[in-house]
Amino acid sequence: MPRTVINTDKAPAAIGTYSQAIKTGDTVYLSGQIPLDPASMQLVEGFDAQVVQVFENLKAVAEAAGGSLKDIAKLNIFLTDLSHFATVNEIMSRYFEQPYPARAAIGVAALPKGAQVEMDGIMVLG
């Protein structure tokens, strides 16, 4: 099955050897997004703002692939401090409605560029 590279300037440019997303059939694999402002490529300040920026980045890539956040079937959340989990849930409720995607929240020692949160996902279109 052919693979299509998804790219948008409304999300941060890839800073390594990866694509923002890859579409194969009706499935889109969204690469990890950290809280970089796409215009400046700088981290936004504050944990809440970082979570919002990550969701906005995921949303931009999802839309570039022809979908939306509601099409995400699986979401992975990586946190450098799991005590922020309740905050992530509250902010996530602004972006998702039931049925919510399957999800994992994983504590990690560090993330690229010193980010406090990163998310990736799998989206199914149609």
N, C-alpha and C. Protein backbone atom coordinates (compact mmCIF):
# COMPACT_ATOMS: atom_id res chain seq x y z
N MET A 1 0.84 -1.17 0.00
CA MET A 1 0.00 0.00 0.00
C MET A 1 0.89 1.25 0.00
N PRO A 2 0.60 2.23 -0.86
CA PRO A 2 1.44 3.43 -0.92
C PRO A 2 1.36 4.27 0.35
N ARG A 3 2.45 4.97 0.62
CA ARG A 3 2.51 5.87 1.78
C ARG A 3 2.59 7.30 1.28
N THR A 4 1.85 8.17 1.94
CA THR A 4 1.84 9.59 1.60
C THR A 4 2.40 10.37 2.78
N VAL A 5 3.33 11.25 2.50
CA VAL A 5 3.89 12.12 3.54
C VAL A 5 2.94 13.29 3.75
N ILE A 6 2.63 13.55 5.01
CA ILE A 6 1.78 14.69 5.38
C ILE A 6 2.69 15.77 5.95
N ASN A 7 2.51 16.99 5.45
CA ASN A 7 3.34 18.10 5.90
C ASN A 7 2.52 19.37 5.90
N THR A 8 2.66 20.18 6.94
CA THR A 8 2.00 21.47 7.01
C THR A 8 2.90 22.47 7.71
N ASP A 9 2.83 23.71 7.28
CA ASP A 9 3.59 24.75 7.96
C ASP A 9 2.84 25.29 9.17
N LYS A 10 1.64 24.75 9.43
CA LYS A 10 0.85 25.15 10.61
C LYS A 10 1.26 24.36 11.86
N ALA A 11 2.20 23.46 11.69
CA ALA A 11 2.79 22.70 12.79
C ALA A 11 4.30 22.82 12.65
N PRO A 12 5.04 22.57 13.73
CA PRO A 12 6.49 22.68 13.65
C PRO A 12 7.08 21.76 12.58
N ALA A 13 8.07 22.27 11.88
CA ALA A 13 8.78 21.46 10.90
C ALA A 13 9.49 20.32 11.63
N ALA A 14 9.61 19.20 10.94
CA ALA A 14 10.33 18.06 11.52
C ALA A 14 11.77 18.48 11.82
N ILE A 15 12.24 18.13 13.01
CA ILE A 15 13.61 18.50 13.40
C ILE A 15 14.53 17.29 13.41
N GLY A 16 14.20 16.32 12.60
CA GLY A 16 15.01 15.11 12.51
C GLY A 16 14.63 14.33 11.28
N THR A 17 14.99 13.08 11.29
CA THR A 17 14.74 12.20 10.14
C THR A 17 13.38 11.53 10.27
N TYR A 18 12.33 12.34 10.20
CA TYR A 18 10.96 11.83 10.27
C TYR A 18 10.04 12.79 9.54
N SER A 19 8.80 12.36 9.32
CA SER A 19 7.76 13.18 8.70
C SER A 19 6.76 13.58 9.78
N GLN A 20 6.05 14.67 9.58
CA GLN A 20 5.02 15.07 10.55
C GLN A 20 3.98 13.97 10.68
N ALA A 21 3.66 13.33 9.57
CA ALA A 21 2.73 12.20 9.59
C ALA A 21 2.91 11.40 8.30
N ILE A 22 2.48 10.15 8.36
CA ILE A 22 2.46 9.28 7.19
C ILE A 22 1.07 8.68 7.08
N LYS A 23 0.49 8.79 5.87
CA LYS A 23 -0.83 8.22 5.61
C LYS A 23 -0.66 6.98 4.75
N THR A 24 -1.28 5.90 5.18
CA THR A 24 -1.32 4.68 4.38
C THR A 24 -2.76 4.16 4.45
N GLY A 25 -3.42 4.11 3.31
CA GLY A 25 -4.84 3.77 3.30
C GLY A 25 -5.61 4.83 4.07
N ASP A 26 -6.48 4.39 4.97
CA ASP A 26 -7.27 5.30 5.80
C ASP A 26 -6.62 5.59 7.14
N THR A 27 -5.40 5.11 7.34
CA THR A 27 -4.72 5.27 8.61
C THR A 27 -3.62 6.32 8.48
N VAL A 28 -3.56 7.22 9.47
CA VAL A 28 -2.53 8.25 9.50
C VAL A 28 -1.77 8.10 10.81
N TYR A 29 -0.47 7.99 10.69
CA TYR A 29 0.41 7.87 11.85
C TYR A 29 1.01 9.25 12.12
N LEU A 30 0.59 9.85 13.23
CA LEU A 30 1.03 11.20 13.59
C LEU A 30 2.30 11.11 14.42
N SER A 31 3.36 11.76 13.96
CA SER A 31 4.61 11.78 14.72
C SER A 31 4.43 12.58 16.00
N GLY A 32 5.35 12.34 16.93
CA GLY A 32 5.31 13.06 18.19
C GLY A 32 5.41 14.56 17.99
N GLN A 33 4.58 15.28 18.71
CA GLN A 33 4.60 16.74 18.69
C GLN A 33 5.00 17.23 20.07
N ILE A 34 5.96 18.14 20.09
CA ILE A 34 6.31 18.81 21.33
C ILE A 34 5.78 20.25 21.22
N PRO A 35 5.81 21.01 22.30
CA PRO A 35 5.16 22.33 22.30
C PRO A 35 5.98 23.44 21.65
N LEU A 36 6.35 23.22 20.40
CA LEU A 36 7.04 24.26 19.64
C LEU A 36 6.02 25.12 18.92
N ASP A 37 6.21 26.42 18.99
CA ASP A 37 5.42 27.34 18.18
C ASP A 37 5.89 27.17 16.74
N PRO A 38 4.99 26.89 15.79
CA PRO A 38 5.44 26.61 14.43
C PRO A 38 6.12 27.81 13.76
N ALA A 39 5.77 29.02 14.14
CA ALA A 39 6.36 30.20 13.51
C ALA A 39 7.79 30.43 13.99
N SER A 40 8.01 30.31 15.29
CA SER A 40 9.33 30.62 15.85
C SER A 40 10.19 29.39 16.08
N MET A 41 9.57 28.22 16.10
CA MET A 41 10.25 26.96 16.43
C MET A 41 10.86 27.00 17.83
N GLN A 42 10.25 27.78 18.73
CA GLN A 42 10.67 27.87 20.12
C GLN A 42 9.61 27.22 21.00
N LEU A 43 10.04 26.66 22.14
CA LEU A 43 9.09 26.11 23.11
C LEU A 43 8.25 27.22 23.70
N VAL A 44 6.96 26.96 23.88
CA VAL A 44 6.12 27.91 24.60
C VAL A 44 6.38 27.74 26.09
N GLU A 45 6.09 28.78 26.87
CA GLU A 45 6.38 28.79 28.31
C GLU A 45 5.17 28.31 29.11
N GLY A 46 5.42 27.57 30.18
CA GLY A 46 4.37 27.14 31.10
C GLY A 46 3.76 25.81 30.70
N PHE A 47 3.46 24.98 31.70
CA PHE A 47 2.97 23.64 31.39
C PHE A 47 1.64 23.67 30.65
N ASP A 48 0.66 24.42 31.14
CA ASP A 48 -0.64 24.48 30.47
C ASP A 48 -0.49 24.91 29.02
N ALA A 49 0.30 25.95 28.79
CA ALA A 49 0.52 26.44 27.43
C ALA A 49 1.20 25.38 26.57
N GLN A 50 2.09 24.59 27.16
CA GLN A 50 2.74 23.53 26.40
C GLN A 50 1.74 22.47 25.96
N VAL A 51 0.84 22.09 26.85
CA VAL A 51 -0.17 21.08 26.48
C VAL A 51 -1.07 21.61 25.37
N VAL A 52 -1.52 22.85 25.50
CA VAL A 52 -2.36 23.46 24.47
C VAL A 52 -1.62 23.48 23.14
N GLN A 53 -0.36 23.88 23.14
CA GLN A 53 0.41 23.95 21.89
C GLN A 53 0.56 22.58 21.25
N VAL A 54 0.78 21.56 22.06
CA VAL A 54 0.88 20.20 21.50
C VAL A 54 -0.43 19.80 20.83
N PHE A 55 -1.57 20.06 21.49
CA PHE A 55 -2.85 19.72 20.86
C PHE A 55 -3.06 20.54 19.58
N GLU A 56 -2.67 21.80 19.59
CA GLU A 56 -2.81 22.63 18.39
C GLU A 56 -1.93 22.09 17.26
N ASN A 57 -0.73 21.64 17.59
CA ASN A 57 0.16 21.07 16.58
C ASN A 57 -0.42 19.77 16.02
N LEU A 58 -0.92 18.90 16.90
CA LEU A 58 -1.55 17.66 16.43
C LEU A 58 -2.76 17.97 15.55
N LYS A 59 -3.55 18.94 15.97
CA LYS A 59 -4.74 19.33 15.21
C LYS A 59 -4.35 19.79 13.80
N ALA A 60 -3.29 20.60 13.70
CA ALA A 60 -2.85 21.10 12.39
C ALA A 60 -2.41 19.95 11.48
N VAL A 61 -1.68 18.99 12.01
CA VAL A 61 -1.23 17.86 11.20
C VAL A 61 -2.42 16.97 10.83
N ALA A 62 -3.33 16.75 11.77
CA ALA A 62 -4.53 15.95 11.47
C ALA A 62 -5.33 16.59 10.34
N GLU A 63 -5.50 17.90 10.40
CA GLU A 63 -6.25 18.60 9.35
C GLU A 63 -5.52 18.54 8.01
N ALA A 64 -4.20 18.64 8.03
CA ALA A 64 -3.42 18.54 6.79
C ALA A 64 -3.58 17.16 6.15
N ALA A 65 -3.87 16.16 6.97
CA ALA A 65 -4.06 14.79 6.48
C ALA A 65 -5.50 14.54 6.05
N GLY A 66 -6.37 15.54 6.21
CA GLY A 66 -7.76 15.38 5.81
C GLY A 66 -8.68 14.92 6.92
N GLY A 67 -8.24 15.02 8.16
CA GLY A 67 -9.06 14.60 9.29
C GLY A 67 -9.13 15.68 10.35
N SER A 68 -9.40 15.24 11.55
CA SER A 68 -9.47 16.13 12.70
C SER A 68 -9.11 15.33 13.95
N LEU A 69 -9.01 16.01 15.07
CA LEU A 69 -8.69 15.30 16.31
C LEU A 69 -9.72 14.22 16.62
N LYS A 70 -10.96 14.40 16.21
CA LYS A 70 -11.99 13.39 16.50
C LYS A 70 -11.71 12.06 15.80
N ASP A 71 -10.82 12.09 14.80
CA ASP A 71 -10.47 10.87 14.07
C ASP A 71 -9.31 10.11 14.72
N ILE A 72 -8.72 10.67 15.78
CA ILE A 72 -7.62 9.97 16.45
C ILE A 72 -8.17 8.79 17.23
N ALA A 73 -7.69 7.61 16.88
CA ALA A 73 -8.13 6.38 17.54
C ALA A 73 -7.24 6.03 18.73
N LYS A 74 -5.96 6.42 18.67
CA LYS A 74 -5.00 6.10 19.73
C LYS A 74 -4.11 7.31 19.94
N LEU A 75 -4.01 7.74 21.19
CA LEU A 75 -3.19 8.89 21.57
C LEU A 75 -2.20 8.45 22.63
N ASN A 76 -0.95 8.79 22.43
CA ASN A 76 0.09 8.53 23.43
C ASN A 76 0.57 9.86 23.98
N ILE A 77 0.63 9.96 25.30
CA ILE A 77 1.07 11.18 25.97
C ILE A 77 2.31 10.85 26.78
N PHE A 78 3.35 11.63 26.59
CA PHE A 78 4.61 11.45 27.30
C PHE A 78 4.83 12.68 28.18
N LEU A 79 5.00 12.45 29.48
CA LEU A 79 5.16 13.54 30.44
C LEU A 79 6.44 13.37 31.23
N THR A 80 7.15 14.47 31.46
CA THR A 80 8.33 14.40 32.31
C THR A 80 7.96 14.44 33.78
N ASP A 81 6.70 14.77 34.09
CA ASP A 81 6.22 14.80 35.47
C ASP A 81 4.76 14.34 35.48
N LEU A 82 4.54 13.11 35.93
CA LEU A 82 3.18 12.55 35.91
C LEU A 82 2.22 13.26 36.88
N SER A 83 2.72 14.13 37.74
CA SER A 83 1.81 14.88 38.61
C SER A 83 0.97 15.87 37.80
N HIS A 84 1.34 16.11 36.55
CA HIS A 84 0.57 17.00 35.67
C HIS A 84 -0.56 16.28 34.93
N PHE A 85 -0.77 15.01 35.25
CA PHE A 85 -1.74 14.20 34.51
C PHE A 85 -3.15 14.79 34.56
N ALA A 86 -3.59 15.29 35.72
CA ALA A 86 -4.93 15.87 35.84
C ALA A 86 -5.07 17.11 34.94
N THR A 87 -4.02 17.89 34.84
CA THR A 87 -4.05 19.07 33.98
C THR A 87 -4.20 18.66 32.53
N VAL A 88 -3.46 17.63 32.12
CA VAL A 88 -3.58 17.13 30.75
C VAL A 88 -5.01 16.68 30.48
N ASN A 89 -5.61 15.96 31.42
CA ASN A 89 -7.00 15.51 31.24
C ASN A 89 -7.94 16.68 31.05
N GLU A 90 -7.77 17.72 31.87
CA GLU A 90 -8.66 18.89 31.78
C GLU A 90 -8.51 19.57 30.43
N ILE A 91 -7.29 19.78 29.99
CA ILE A 91 -7.07 20.44 28.71
C ILE A 91 -7.53 19.54 27.56
N MET A 92 -7.29 18.25 27.67
CA MET A 92 -7.73 17.31 26.64
C MET A 92 -9.24 17.38 26.46
N SER A 93 -9.99 17.60 27.53
CA SER A 93 -11.45 17.66 27.43
C SER A 93 -11.93 18.84 26.58
N ARG A 94 -11.07 19.82 26.34
CA ARG A 94 -11.42 20.95 25.47
C ARG A 94 -11.29 20.57 23.99
N TYR A 95 -10.52 19.52 23.72
CA TYR A 95 -10.23 19.13 22.34
C TYR A 95 -10.95 17.88 21.88
N PHE A 96 -11.41 17.04 22.81
CA PHE A 96 -12.02 15.76 22.46
C PHE A 96 -13.38 15.61 23.11
N GLU A 97 -14.26 14.91 22.41
CA GLU A 97 -15.56 14.51 22.95
C GLU A 97 -15.64 13.00 22.88
N GLN A 98 -16.59 12.44 23.62
CA GLN A 98 -16.79 11.00 23.56
C GLN A 98 -17.28 10.60 22.18
N PRO A 99 -16.89 9.48 21.66
CA PRO A 99 -15.99 8.52 22.31
C PRO A 99 -14.54 9.00 22.23
N TYR A 100 -13.88 9.00 23.38
CA TYR A 100 -12.49 9.43 23.47
C TYR A 100 -11.59 8.39 22.82
N PRO A 101 -10.41 8.82 22.37
CA PRO A 101 -9.48 7.83 21.80
C PRO A 101 -8.92 6.92 22.89
N ALA A 102 -8.47 5.76 22.49
CA ALA A 102 -7.66 4.94 23.40
C ALA A 102 -6.42 5.77 23.71
N ARG A 103 -5.87 5.58 24.91
CA ARG A 103 -4.78 6.47 25.31
C ARG A 103 -3.82 5.80 26.26
N ALA A 104 -2.58 6.23 26.19
CA ALA A 104 -1.57 5.86 27.18
C ALA A 104 -0.93 7.15 27.66
N ALA A 105 -0.59 7.21 28.94
CA ALA A 105 0.16 8.33 29.51
C ALA A 105 1.41 7.73 30.14
N ILE A 106 2.55 8.18 29.69
CA ILE A 106 3.81 7.55 30.06
C ILE A 106 4.75 8.59 30.66
N GLY A 107 5.31 8.28 31.81
CA GLY A 107 6.31 9.14 32.41
C GLY A 107 7.67 8.86 31.81
N VAL A 108 8.36 9.92 31.41
CA VAL A 108 9.68 9.79 30.80
C VAL A 108 10.67 10.71 31.51
N ALA A 109 11.93 10.40 31.39
CA ALA A 109 12.97 11.19 32.05
C ALA A 109 13.20 12.54 31.37
N ALA A 110 13.10 12.58 30.06
CA ALA A 110 13.36 13.81 29.34
C ALA A 110 12.72 13.74 27.96
N LEU A 111 12.47 14.93 27.38
CA LEU A 111 11.92 15.03 26.04
C LEU A 111 12.77 16.02 25.23
N PRO A 112 12.66 15.97 23.90
CA PRO A 112 13.46 16.87 23.07
C PRO A 112 13.28 18.34 23.45
N LYS A 113 14.38 19.09 23.37
CA LYS A 113 14.41 20.54 23.61
C LYS A 113 13.95 20.94 25.01
N GLY A 114 13.88 19.98 25.95
CA GLY A 114 13.46 20.29 27.30
C GLY A 114 11.96 20.42 27.47
N ALA A 115 11.18 19.93 26.52
CA ALA A 115 9.72 19.98 26.61
C ALA A 115 9.25 19.17 27.82
N GLN A 116 8.10 19.55 28.35
CA GLN A 116 7.51 18.82 29.47
C GLN A 116 6.47 17.80 29.01
N VAL A 117 6.05 17.91 27.74
CA VAL A 117 5.01 17.02 27.22
C VAL A 117 5.24 16.79 25.72
N GLU A 118 4.92 15.59 25.28
CA GLU A 118 4.94 15.22 23.87
C GLU A 118 3.77 14.28 23.64
N MET A 119 3.18 14.34 22.45
CA MET A 119 2.08 13.43 22.11
C MET A 119 2.24 12.98 20.67
N ASP A 120 1.84 11.72 20.44
CA ASP A 120 1.72 11.20 19.09
C ASP A 120 0.41 10.43 19.01
N GLY A 121 0.04 10.00 17.82
CA GLY A 121 -1.22 9.29 17.72
C GLY A 121 -1.39 8.57 16.40
N ILE A 122 -2.47 7.81 16.35
CA ILE A 122 -2.89 7.11 15.15
C ILE A 122 -4.31 7.57 14.84
N MET A 123 -4.50 8.01 13.62
CA MET A 123 -5.79 8.54 13.20
C MET A 123 -6.36 7.63 12.10
N VAL A 124 -7.66 7.38 12.17
CA VAL A 124 -8.33 6.58 11.15
C VAL A 124 -9.38 7.45 10.50
N LEU A 125 -9.26 7.63 9.19
CA LEU A 125 -10.18 8.50 8.45
C LEU A 125 -11.36 7.70 7.90
N GLY A 126 -12.44 8.39 7.70
CA GLY A 126 -13.61 7.80 7.06
C GLY A 126 -14.36 6.90 7.95
